Amino acid sequence: MLELLNQLDGFDSRGDVKVVMATNRIETLDPALIRPGRIDRKIEFPLPDEKTKRRIFNIHTSKMTLAEDVNFEDLVMAKDDLSGADIKAICTEAGLMALRERRMKVTAEDFRKSKDNVLYRKKEGMPEGLYL
C-alpha cells in the first residue's frame, strides 16, 4: 500500500499519467488512498432502480432456457441493494446450478439460492465474482 501511495504522489502535474481505479466497496479503502488531492475525480454509479434491475436480469438471462416458474419481479422488488454485478453473478450462478444438476431449464429456486449465496458472500466481505 505504501508503495502505491508513493507512486501516486510521485507523478508530476504535467498530466501525462492517468490512474483509473474502481471498487464496489469504497468504504473498505484506506482513507489515505482516497484523500482529497490524491484522486481528482470520483464517479459514483448508484445502485440500479427497479426498471434497470429488470433490464439487467433480462440481458443476463436472454440466452438461458427458463422454467415457467421464473418471475423476476420478486427479485427486482426486493430491497436488498443489488448492484448490476450482483445481478449478473446471480444469473450466472443460477445457470451453473442447473448445469450441475444436468437440467436444461433454470428454475426460480435456482435464482433464489443464487441470490442468497451472493448476498451472503457480499455481507461476509468475501471476494466478488462467481459464487460457487
Protein backbone atom coordinates (compact mmCIF):
# COMPACT_ATOMS: atom_id res chain seq x y z
CA MET A 1 0.00 0.00 0.00
CA LEU A 2 2.80 2.39 0.89
CA GLU A 3 4.47 1.78 -2.47
CA LEU A 4 1.22 2.55 -4.31
CA LEU A 5 0.83 5.82 -2.39
CA ASN A 6 4.45 6.77 -3.14
CA GLN A 7 3.92 6.08 -6.83
CA LEU A 8 0.70 8.12 -6.91
CA ASP A 9 2.34 11.05 -5.14
CA GLY A 10 5.46 10.80 -7.30
CA PHE A 11 3.75 11.72 -10.56
CA ASP A 12 4.30 15.33 -11.53
CA SER A 13 1.40 17.55 -12.50
CA ARG A 14 2.06 17.66 -16.25
CA GLY A 15 -0.95 15.46 -16.80
CA ASP A 16 0.86 12.73 -18.74
CA VAL A 17 -0.20 9.96 -16.36
CA LYS A 18 -3.78 8.93 -15.72
CA VAL A 19 -4.68 6.45 -13.00
CA VAL A 20 -8.09 4.79 -13.06
CA MET A 21 -9.30 2.87 -10.02
CA ALA A 22 -12.56 1.06 -9.41
CA THR A 23 -14.17 -0.60 -6.42
CA ASN A 24 -17.54 -1.93 -5.38
CA ARG A 25 -16.77 -1.23 -1.74
CA ILE A 26 -15.31 2.24 -1.28
CA GLU A 27 -15.96 2.08 2.48
CA THR A 28 -13.24 -0.57 2.83
CA LEU A 29 -10.49 1.56 1.25
CA ASP A 30 -7.78 3.15 3.34
CA PRO A 31 -8.60 6.86 3.83
CA ALA A 32 -5.02 7.73 2.82
CA LEU A 33 -5.74 6.38 -0.65
CA ILE A 34 -8.85 8.47 -1.26
CA ARG A 35 -7.92 11.72 0.44
CA PRO A 36 -8.52 14.97 -1.48
CA GLY A 37 -5.68 15.82 -3.84
CA ARG A 38 -4.66 12.23 -4.43
CA ILE A 39 -7.67 11.38 -6.56
CA ASP A 40 -9.04 14.24 -8.67
CA ARG A 41 -12.42 12.81 -9.60
CA LYS A 42 -14.73 10.27 -8.08
CA ILE A 43 -17.52 8.96 -10.25
CA GLU A 44 -20.20 7.04 -8.41
CA PHE A 45 -22.64 4.73 -10.13
CA PRO A 46 -25.69 4.35 -7.91
CA LEU A 47 -27.46 1.06 -7.42
CA PRO A 48 -29.94 0.31 -10.20
CA ASP A 49 -33.60 1.18 -9.81
CA GLU A 50 -36.36 -1.39 -10.38
CA LYS A 51 -36.63 -0.74 -14.12
CA THR A 52 -32.87 -1.07 -14.56
CA LYS A 53 -32.71 -4.23 -12.42
CA ARG A 54 -35.40 -5.80 -14.61
CA ARG A 55 -33.42 -4.91 -17.74
CA ILE A 56 -30.18 -6.31 -16.29
CA PHE A 57 -31.92 -9.60 -15.43
CA ASN A 58 -33.32 -9.76 -18.98
CA ILE A 59 -29.90 -9.12 -20.52
CA HIS A 60 -28.13 -11.80 -18.48
CA THR A 61 -30.85 -14.41 -18.94
CA SER A 62 -31.64 -13.77 -22.61
CA LYS A 63 -29.78 -16.90 -23.74
CA MET A 64 -30.95 -19.10 -20.86
CA THR A 65 -33.83 -21.52 -21.01
CA LEU A 66 -36.00 -20.54 -18.07
CA ALA A 67 -38.64 -22.68 -16.38
CA GLU A 68 -42.22 -21.43 -16.32
CA ASP A 69 -41.99 -20.61 -12.60
CA VAL A 70 -39.28 -17.96 -13.08
CA ASN A 71 -40.58 -14.48 -12.31
CA PHE A 72 -38.02 -11.74 -11.82
CA GLU A 73 -40.48 -9.39 -10.11
CA ASP A 74 -39.74 -10.83 -6.66
CA LEU A 75 -36.01 -10.34 -7.21
CA VAL A 76 -36.48 -6.87 -8.71
CA MET A 77 -38.82 -5.61 -5.99
CA ALA A 78 -36.69 -6.85 -3.07
CA LYS A 79 -34.93 -4.08 -1.15
CA ASP A 80 -31.54 -5.73 -0.85
CA ASP A 81 -29.10 -3.34 -2.57
CA LEU A 82 -28.22 -5.49 -5.58
CA SER A 83 -25.70 -3.94 -7.94
CA GLY A 84 -25.51 -4.80 -11.62
CA ALA A 85 -22.54 -7.06 -10.84
CA ASP A 86 -24.58 -8.84 -8.15
CA ILE A 87 -27.42 -9.45 -10.61
CA LYS A 88 -25.00 -10.86 -13.17
CA ALA A 89 -23.49 -13.14 -10.50
CA ILE A 90 -26.98 -14.34 -9.52
CA CYS A 91 -27.88 -15.16 -13.13
CA THR A 92 -24.57 -16.89 -13.81
CA GLU A 93 -24.73 -18.94 -10.63
CA ALA A 94 -28.37 -19.92 -11.27
CA GLY A 95 -27.39 -21.19 -14.72
CA LEU A 96 -24.46 -23.13 -13.26
CA MET A 97 -26.74 -24.72 -10.65
CA ALA A 98 -28.99 -26.04 -13.40
CA LEU A 99 -25.98 -27.35 -15.33
CA ARG A 100 -24.54 -29.08 -12.27
CA GLU A 101 -27.83 -30.92 -11.85
CA ARG A 102 -27.94 -31.69 -15.59
CA ARG A 103 -31.15 -29.75 -16.14
CA MET A 104 -31.99 -27.90 -19.34
CA LYS A 105 -34.03 -25.17 -17.62
CA VAL A 106 -33.14 -22.72 -14.88
CA THR A 107 -35.80 -22.61 -12.15
CA ALA A 108 -36.97 -19.93 -9.74
CA GLU A 109 -35.40 -21.99 -6.94
CA ASP A 110 -32.01 -21.72 -8.71
CA PHE A 111 -32.35 -17.94 -8.71
CA ARG A 112 -33.46 -17.87 -5.06
CA LYS A 113 -30.50 -19.98 -3.93
CA SER A 114 -28.10 -17.97 -6.07
CA LYS A 115 -29.36 -14.69 -4.63
CA ASP A 116 -29.00 -15.98 -1.07
CA ASN A 117 -25.47 -17.15 -1.87
CA VAL A 118 -24.44 -13.85 -3.48
CA LEU A 119 -25.88 -11.75 -0.64
CA TYR A 120 -24.26 -13.97 1.99
CA ARG A 121 -20.84 -13.64 0.38
CA LYS A 122 -21.33 -9.91 -0.09
CA LYS A 123 -22.29 -9.46 3.57
CA GLU A 124 -19.36 -11.55 4.75
CA GLY A 125 -16.94 -9.45 2.68
CA MET A 126 -15.74 -12.35 0.55
CA PRO A 127 -14.25 -11.56 -2.86
CA GLU A 128 -16.81 -10.91 -5.56
CA GLY A 129 -17.13 -12.92 -8.73
CA LEU A 130 -18.73 -16.26 -9.30
CA TYR A 131 -20.13 -17.53 -6.05
CA LEU A 132 -19.73 -21.29 -6.13
